[in-house]
Protein backbone atom coordinates (compact mmCIF):
# COMPACT_ATOMS: atom_id res chain seq x y z
CA MET A 1 110.83 59.87 -2.53
CA GLU A 2 110.49 63.12 -0.86
CA LYS A 3 109.77 61.59 2.29
CA LEU A 4 113.23 59.92 2.54
CA TYR A 5 115.21 63.36 1.70
CA GLN A 6 113.53 64.39 4.73
CA ALA A 7 113.96 61.50 6.76
CA LEU A 8 117.74 61.53 5.85
CA ASP A 9 118.43 65.53 6.18
CA LYS A 10 116.87 65.13 9.64
CA GLN A 11 119.64 62.87 10.05
CA VAL A 12 122.31 65.21 8.83
CA ALA A 13 120.81 67.59 11.33
CA ASN A 14 120.39 65.28 14.32
CA PHE A 15 124.64 64.29 13.58
CA SER A 16 125.24 67.47 13.44
CA VAL A 17 123.97 68.52 16.62
CA PHE A 18 124.71 65.33 18.36
CA PHE A 19 128.79 65.86 17.34
CA THR A 20 128.64 69.23 19.11
CA LYS A 21 126.72 67.95 22.31
CA LEU A 22 129.86 65.11 21.93
CA HIS A 23 132.00 67.64 21.85
CA HIS A 24 130.83 69.40 24.58
CA PHE A 25 130.95 66.15 26.94
CA HIS A 26 134.65 65.17 25.96
CA TRP A 27 135.99 69.15 26.54
CA TYR A 28 134.18 69.10 30.12
CA VAL A 29 134.18 65.50 31.56
CA THR A 30 135.37 65.47 34.71
CA GLY A 31 136.17 63.24 37.85
CA PRO A 32 137.65 59.77 38.10
CA ASN A 33 137.04 58.23 35.09
CA PHE A 34 137.97 61.34 32.72
CA TYR A 35 140.72 59.05 30.71
CA PRO A 36 138.60 56.85 29.55
CA LEU A 37 134.67 58.99 28.89
CA HIS A 38 137.43 61.91 27.48
CA ALA A 39 138.47 58.94 24.98
CA LYS A 40 134.94 57.31 23.86
CA PHE A 41 133.37 60.37 23.29
CA GLU A 42 136.09 61.26 21.41
CA GLU A 43 135.32 57.55 19.84
CA PHE A 44 132.05 58.92 19.61
CA TYR A 45 132.63 61.83 17.78
CA ASP A 46 134.54 61.20 15.35
CA GLU A 47 132.12 58.37 14.26
CA VAL A 48 129.53 60.80 14.31
CA ASN A 49 131.21 62.91 11.88
CA GLU A 50 131.84 60.16 9.42
CA LEU A 51 128.59 59.30 9.30
CA TYR A 52 127.03 62.94 8.98
CA ASP A 53 129.50 63.22 6.42
CA ALA A 54 128.19 60.05 4.88
CA PHE A 55 124.71 60.79 5.02
CA ALA A 56 124.29 64.53 3.64
CA GLU A 57 126.47 62.79 0.82
CA ARG A 58 123.93 60.03 0.32
CA LEU A 59 121.18 62.67 0.27
CA LEU A 60 123.15 63.98 -2.27
CA MET A 61 123.75 61.33 -4.85
CA ILE A 62 120.11 60.42 -4.69
CA GLY A 63 118.85 64.09 -5.60
CA GLY A 64 118.54 65.39 -2.36
CA HIS A 65 119.41 68.46 -0.21
CA PRO A 66 120.96 68.74 3.10
CA THR A 67 120.62 71.41 5.16
CA SER A 68 124.29 72.64 6.27
CA ASN A 69 123.14 75.85 8.23
CA LEU A 70 123.12 75.62 11.70
CA LYS A 71 119.89 76.91 12.06
CA GLY A 72 118.26 74.67 10.10
CA TYR A 73 120.32 71.90 11.68
CA LEU A 74 118.43 72.71 15.21
CA ALA A 75 115.21 73.38 13.45
CA GLN A 76 115.12 69.80 12.53
CA THR A 77 117.19 68.02 15.14
CA SER A 78 115.58 65.43 17.82
CA ILE A 79 118.64 65.48 19.64
CA LYS A 80 118.59 68.14 22.78
CA GLU A 81 121.79 69.96 23.01
CA ALA A 82 123.82 70.17 26.92
CA SER A 83 122.36 72.00 29.17
CA GLY A 84 126.27 72.39 30.52
CA THR A 85 125.51 71.56 34.23
CA GLU A 86 125.57 67.25 33.53
CA LYS A 87 128.03 65.36 35.86
CA PRO A 88 129.53 61.76 33.70
CA GLU A 89 127.11 59.50 34.40
CA ASP A 90 124.21 62.22 33.16
CA MET A 91 126.54 62.83 30.06
CA ILE A 92 126.62 58.76 29.28
CA SER A 93 122.85 58.37 30.07
CA HIS A 94 122.26 61.75 27.56
CA ILE A 95 124.45 59.35 24.81
CA LEU A 96 122.52 56.00 25.89
CA GLU A 97 119.58 58.02 25.09
CA ASP A 98 120.48 60.21 22.60
CA PHE A 99 121.81 56.67 20.43
CA LYS A 100 118.28 54.95 20.80
CA LEU A 101 116.56 57.97 19.69
CA LEU A 102 118.70 57.70 16.28
CA ARG A 103 118.17 53.87 16.15
CA LYS A 104 114.44 54.78 16.83
CA GLU A 105 114.59 56.77 13.65
CA LEU A 106 116.96 55.03 11.65
CA GLN A 107 114.93 52.10 11.51
CA GLU A 108 111.64 54.34 10.24
CA THR A 109 114.29 56.01 7.68
CA LEU A 110 114.72 51.82 6.95
CA ASP A 111 111.76 51.54 5.96
CA ILE A 112 110.99 53.99 3.79
CA ALA A 113 114.35 53.18 1.57
CA GLN A 114 113.02 50.09 1.61
CA GLU A 115 109.90 50.49 0.09
CA LEU A 116 111.85 52.61 -2.09
CA GLY A 117 113.81 49.55 -3.49
CA ASP A 118 116.91 51.90 -2.79
CA GLU A 119 118.86 49.55 -1.08
CA VAL A 120 122.18 51.46 -1.12
CA THR A 121 120.71 54.00 1.20
CA ALA A 122 119.30 50.55 3.10
CA ASP A 123 122.72 49.71 3.56
CA LEU A 124 124.16 52.30 5.04
CA LEU A 125 121.29 52.52 7.67
CA ILE A 126 121.86 48.89 8.86
CA SER A 127 125.55 49.63 9.19
CA THR A 128 124.97 52.48 11.31
CA MET A 129 122.34 50.47 13.15
CA SER A 130 124.39 48.09 14.01
CA SER A 131 127.06 50.24 15.22
CA PHE A 132 124.50 51.94 17.68
CA ASP A 133 123.06 49.11 19.05
CA LYS A 134 126.70 48.34 19.90
CA HIS A 135 127.08 51.85 21.58
CA ILE A 136 123.15 51.32 23.13
CA TRP A 137 124.48 47.83 24.83
CA MET A 138 127.63 48.63 26.10
CA LEU A 139 126.18 52.03 27.89
CA THR A 140 123.29 50.02 29.09
CA PHE A 141 125.85 48.19 30.93
CA THR A 142 128.21 50.88 31.78
CA LEU A 143 124.98 52.47 34.19
CA LYS A 144 124.29 49.05 36.05
């Protein structure tokens, strides 16, 4: 069970850092695509905020203890923080790569949950992966 706790806690950290990164991009995007990107980045951070809470609460429900401070999040996240110098196309590329990375880690966490027979956690992971698959597809086509 400890392996599942660690995997879920890493996603809590990832969602916290990704939420902040998406907010940064939302605030600092410029150029002719400002309006649609500003709105899309807000949609993304709203979704990630919901997932951040859902994953932390699921971890608590199954006996784990989610990290709940910035130092802890930064120590275990896979997400790189924004540099502050990204142009709009770079922002889209970074978000796409982050969704791909999260998707991969969610699959690894799903494998652990299913090995343990934790179908409720598996359901949370599968629904998140489904949403991220759509984001990956749409962001990929945006950059073509």
